Protein backbone atom coordinates (compact mmCIF):
# COMPACT_ATOMS: atom_id res chain seq x y z
CA UNK A 1 0.00 0.00 0.00
CA UNK A 2 1.48 3.32 -1.09
CA UNK A 3 1.56 5.65 1.91
CA UNK A 4 2.57 9.23 2.71
CA UNK A 5 3.46 10.15 6.29
CA UNK A 6 3.13 13.77 7.48
CA UNK A 7 4.59 14.43 10.93
CA UNK A 8 6.87 17.23 12.11
CA UNK A 9 8.57 15.16 14.82
CA UNK A 10 11.50 13.46 13.11
CA UNK A 11 11.64 10.69 15.70
CA UNK A 12 7.94 9.84 15.45
CA UNK A 13 7.91 10.19 11.65
CA UNK A 14 10.84 7.85 11.14
CA UNK A 15 9.56 5.38 13.70
CA UNK A 16 6.16 5.29 12.02
CA UNK A 17 7.77 4.84 8.61
CA UNK A 18 9.83 1.91 9.90
CA UNK A 19 6.75 0.32 11.47
CA UNK A 20 4.76 0.57 8.23
CA UNK A 21 7.63 -0.64 6.05
CA UNK A 22 8.11 -3.66 8.31
CA UNK A 23 4.37 -4.37 7.85
CA UNK A 24 4.73 -4.34 4.06
CA UNK A 25 3.63 -0.77 3.32
CA UNK A 26 5.44 1.28 0.67
CA UNK A 27 6.21 4.66 2.20
CA UNK A 28 6.48 6.81 -0.92
CA UNK A 29 7.03 10.15 0.87
CA UNK A 30 7.57 11.71 4.29
CA UNK A 31 6.64 15.32 5.03
CA UNK A 32 7.51 17.61 7.93
CA UNK A 33 4.94 20.33 7.13
CA UNK A 34 1.63 20.71 5.33
CA UNK A 35 3.09 22.26 2.18
CA UNK A 36 5.34 19.25 1.75
CA UNK A 37 2.40 16.94 2.48
CA UNK A 38 0.17 18.45 -0.23
CA UNK A 39 3.03 18.44 -2.75
CA UNK A 40 3.88 14.82 -1.93
CA UNK A 41 0.30 13.62 -2.38
CA UNK A 42 -0.04 15.44 -5.72
CA UNK A 43 3.28 13.99 -6.87
CA UNK A 44 3.03 10.37 -5.67
CA UNK A 45 -0.74 9.70 -5.73
CA UNK A 46 -0.68 7.41 -2.66
CA UNK A 47 -3.43 5.12 -1.39
CA UNK A 48 -3.17 6.43 2.15
CA UNK A 49 -1.97 9.55 4.01
CA UNK A 50 -1.18 9.40 7.72
CA UNK A 51 -1.23 12.99 8.99
CA UNK A 52 -0.51 14.65 12.33
CA UNK A 53 -3.19 17.24 13.11
CA UNK A 54 -0.72 19.74 14.59
CA UNK A 55 1.90 20.64 12.02
CA UNK A 56 3.88 23.60 10.73
CA UNK A 57 3.66 26.29 9.59
CA UNK A 58 1.33 27.41 12.39
CA UNK A 59 1.24 24.33 14.63
CA UNK A 60 -2.53 24.67 14.95
CA UNK A 61 -4.85 22.24 13.20
CA UNK A 62 -2.91 22.70 9.96
CA UNK A 63 -2.77 18.96 9.33
CA UNK A 64 -6.55 18.62 9.53
CA UNK A 65 -7.06 21.60 7.24
CA UNK A 66 -4.61 20.15 4.73
CA UNK A 67 -6.44 16.82 4.92
CA UNK A 68 -9.72 18.51 4.02
CA UNK A 69 -8.08 20.14 1.01
CA UNK A 70 -6.57 16.85 -0.09
CA UNK A 71 -9.92 15.10 0.23
CA UNK A 72 -11.45 17.59 -2.18
CA UNK A 73 -8.64 17.12 -4.71
CA UNK A 74 -8.23 13.35 -4.16
CA UNK A 75 -11.57 11.92 -2.99
CA UNK A 76 -10.25 8.36 -3.26
CA UNK A 77 -7.36 9.03 -0.84
CA UNK A 78 -7.58 7.29 2.52
CA UNK A 79 -6.73 9.72 5.34
CA UNK A 80 -5.81 8.91 8.93
CA UNK A 81 -5.36 11.85 11.30
CA UNK A 82 -3.20 11.40 14.38
CA UNK A 83 -3.39 13.64 17.43
CA UNK A 84 -2.04 13.82 20.96
CA UNK A 85 -5.38 15.18 22.21
CA UNK A 86 -8.98 14.98 21.00
CA UNK A 87 -10.05 17.82 18.72
CA UNK A 88 -13.18 16.98 16.75
CA UNK A 89 -13.96 20.44 15.38
CA UNK A 90 -11.66 20.47 12.36
CA UNK A 91 -12.16 16.77 11.60
CA UNK A 92 -15.97 16.74 11.82
CA UNK A 93 -16.51 17.16 8.10
CA UNK A 94 -14.11 14.33 7.25
CA UNK A 95 -15.86 12.05 9.74
CA UNK A 96 -18.98 12.04 7.58
CA UNK A 97 -17.19 10.43 4.65
CA UNK A 98 -15.54 7.10 3.88
CA UNK A 99 -11.82 6.42 3.88
CA UNK A 100 -11.16 8.36 7.07
CA UNK A 101 -9.66 7.61 10.46
CA UNK A 102 -8.94 9.68 13.57
CA UNK A 103 -6.69 8.07 16.17
CA UNK A 104 -4.83 9.25 19.22
CA UNK A 105 -1.09 8.73 18.93
CA UNK A 106 -1.10 6.32 21.86
CA UNK A 107 -2.98 3.85 19.64
CA UNK A 108 0.12 3.43 17.49
CA UNK A 109 1.63 1.47 20.39
CA UNK A 110 -0.95 -1.25 19.78
CA UNK A 111 0.54 -2.19 16.45
CA UNK A 112 -2.05 -4.74 15.33
CA UNK A 113 -4.98 -2.44 16.16
CA UNK A 114 -3.24 0.44 14.40
CA UNK A 115 -2.49 -1.54 11.25
CA UNK A 116 -6.05 -2.90 11.22
CA UNK A 117 -7.35 0.69 11.37
CA UNK A 118 -5.14 1.70 8.44
CA UNK A 119 -6.38 -1.24 6.37
CA UNK A 120 -10.02 -0.32 7.05
CA UNK A 121 -9.46 3.29 6.02
CA UNK A 122 -7.53 2.38 2.87
CA UNK A 123 -10.43 0.09 1.90
CA UNK A 124 -12.87 3.02 2.17
CA UNK A 125 -14.06 2.38 5.72
CA UNK A 126 -13.62 4.35 8.93
CA UNK A 127 -11.54 4.05 12.07
CA UNK A 128 -12.30 6.36 14.98
CA UNK A 129 -10.50 6.26 18.28
CA UNK A 130 -12.76 5.05 21.11
CA UNK A 131 -12.00 8.25 23.03
CA UNK A 132 -13.17 10.34 20.08
CA UNK A 133 -16.39 8.33 19.86
CA UNK A 134 -16.96 8.67 23.62
CA UNK A 135 -16.58 12.44 23.41
CA UNK A 136 -19.02 12.67 20.51
CA UNK A 137 -21.57 10.53 22.31
CA UNK A 138 -21.01 12.40 25.56
CA UNK A 139 -21.73 15.80 24.03
CA UNK A 140 -25.46 15.11 23.60
CA UNK A 141 -28.15 17.71 23.98
CA UNK A 142 -31.35 17.52 25.96
CA UNK A 143 -33.98 15.22 24.42
CA UNK A 144 -31.39 13.82 22.07
CA UNK A 145 -32.45 10.64 20.23
CA UNK A 146 -29.44 8.84 21.72
CA UNK A 147 -31.25 8.90 25.02
CA UNK A 148 -33.59 6.25 23.66
CA UNK A 149 -30.74 3.77 23.23
CA UNK A 150 -30.15 1.06 25.81
CA UNK A 151 -26.70 0.76 27.46
CA UNK A 152 -25.93 -2.24 25.25
CA UNK A 153 -27.01 -0.35 22.12
CA UNK A 154 -24.67 2.49 23.13
CA UNK A 155 -21.82 0.00 23.40
CA UNK A 156 -22.63 -1.35 19.96
CA UNK A 157 -22.94 2.18 18.53
CA UNK A 158 -19.51 3.14 19.88
CA UNK A 159 -17.93 0.09 18.26
CA UNK A 160 -19.83 0.74 15.02
CA UNK A 161 -18.48 4.28 14.93
CA UNK A 162 -14.94 2.93 15.39
CA UNK A 163 -15.49 1.19 12.07
CA UNK A 164 -15.88 -2.38 13.30
CA UNK A 165 -17.95 -4.96 11.47
CA UNK A 166 -20.79 -6.89 13.10
CA UNK A 167 -18.48 -9.86 13.48
CA UNK A 168 -15.82 -7.71 15.13
CA UNK A 169 -18.38 -6.22 17.54
CA UNK A 170 -19.71 -9.68 18.39
CA UNK A 171 -16.21 -10.87 19.27
CA UNK A 172 -15.51 -7.80 21.37
CA UNK A 173 -18.76 -8.09 23.37
CA UNK A 174 -18.89 -11.90 23.47
CA UNK A 175 -22.28 -11.96 21.74
CA UNK A 176 -23.53 -13.74 18.63
CA UNK A 177 -23.39 -11.97 15.29
CA UNK A 178 -27.17 -12.31 14.95
CA UNK A 179 -27.62 -10.50 18.28
CA UNK A 180 -25.41 -7.67 17.03
CA UNK A 181 -27.45 -7.48 13.82
CA UNK A 182 -30.56 -7.00 15.94
CA UNK A 183 -28.91 -4.26 18.01
CA UNK A 184 -27.71 -2.48 14.84
CA UNK A 185 -31.19 -2.58 13.31
CA UNK A 186 -32.66 -1.15 16.52
CA UNK A 187 -30.06 1.63 16.65
CA UNK A 188 -30.64 2.63 13.04
CA UNK A 189 -34.40 2.63 13.59
CA UNK A 190 -34.21 4.71 16.79
CA UNK A 191 -31.89 7.27 15.21
CA UNK A 192 -34.07 7.52 12.12
CA UNK A 193 -31.23 6.56 9.80
CA UNK A 194 -31.77 4.75 6.52
CA UNK A 195 -30.50 1.19 6.61
CA UNK A 196 -27.86 0.00 4.16
CA UNK A 197 -26.56 -3.38 3.09
CA UNK A 198 -23.02 -2.05 3.02
CA UNK A 199 -21.42 -2.11 6.45
CA UNK A 200 -19.11 0.91 5.98
CA UNK A 201 -22.00 3.02 4.69
CA UNK A 202 -23.98 2.16 7.80
CA UNK A 203 -21.03 3.21 9.96
CA UNK A 204 -20.57 6.46 8.10
CA UNK A 205 -24.25 7.29 8.46
CA UNK A 206 -24.02 6.85 12.21
CA UNK A 207 -20.78 8.83 12.44
CA UNK A 208 -22.30 11.62 10.34
CA UNK A 209 -25.21 11.78 12.74
CA UNK A 210 -22.94 11.95 15.78
CA UNK A 211 -20.68 14.55 14.18
CA UNK A 212 -23.57 16.81 13.20
CA UNK A 213 -24.87 16.79 16.76
CA UNK A 214 -21.79 17.11 18.88
CA UNK A 215 -18.59 17.89 17.02
Foldseek 3Di string as FASTA:
>chain_A
DEEEEEDQDPVVQVVVVVLVVVVPYHDQYYHNALVRVLVSCVVPVGLEYEWEQQGDPVRDRRRLVSVVVVCVVPVRHQYEYEYQDDDCPSCLVVLLFWRYEYYYPVCVVVVVLVVVQNVRSSVGAYAYYLVNLVQLVVQADPPGLVVPADPVLSLLLSVLLRGDDLVVSCVVVVHDSVVSVVSLVVVCVSNVHDDDPDSRNSNSRSSNVSSVGGD
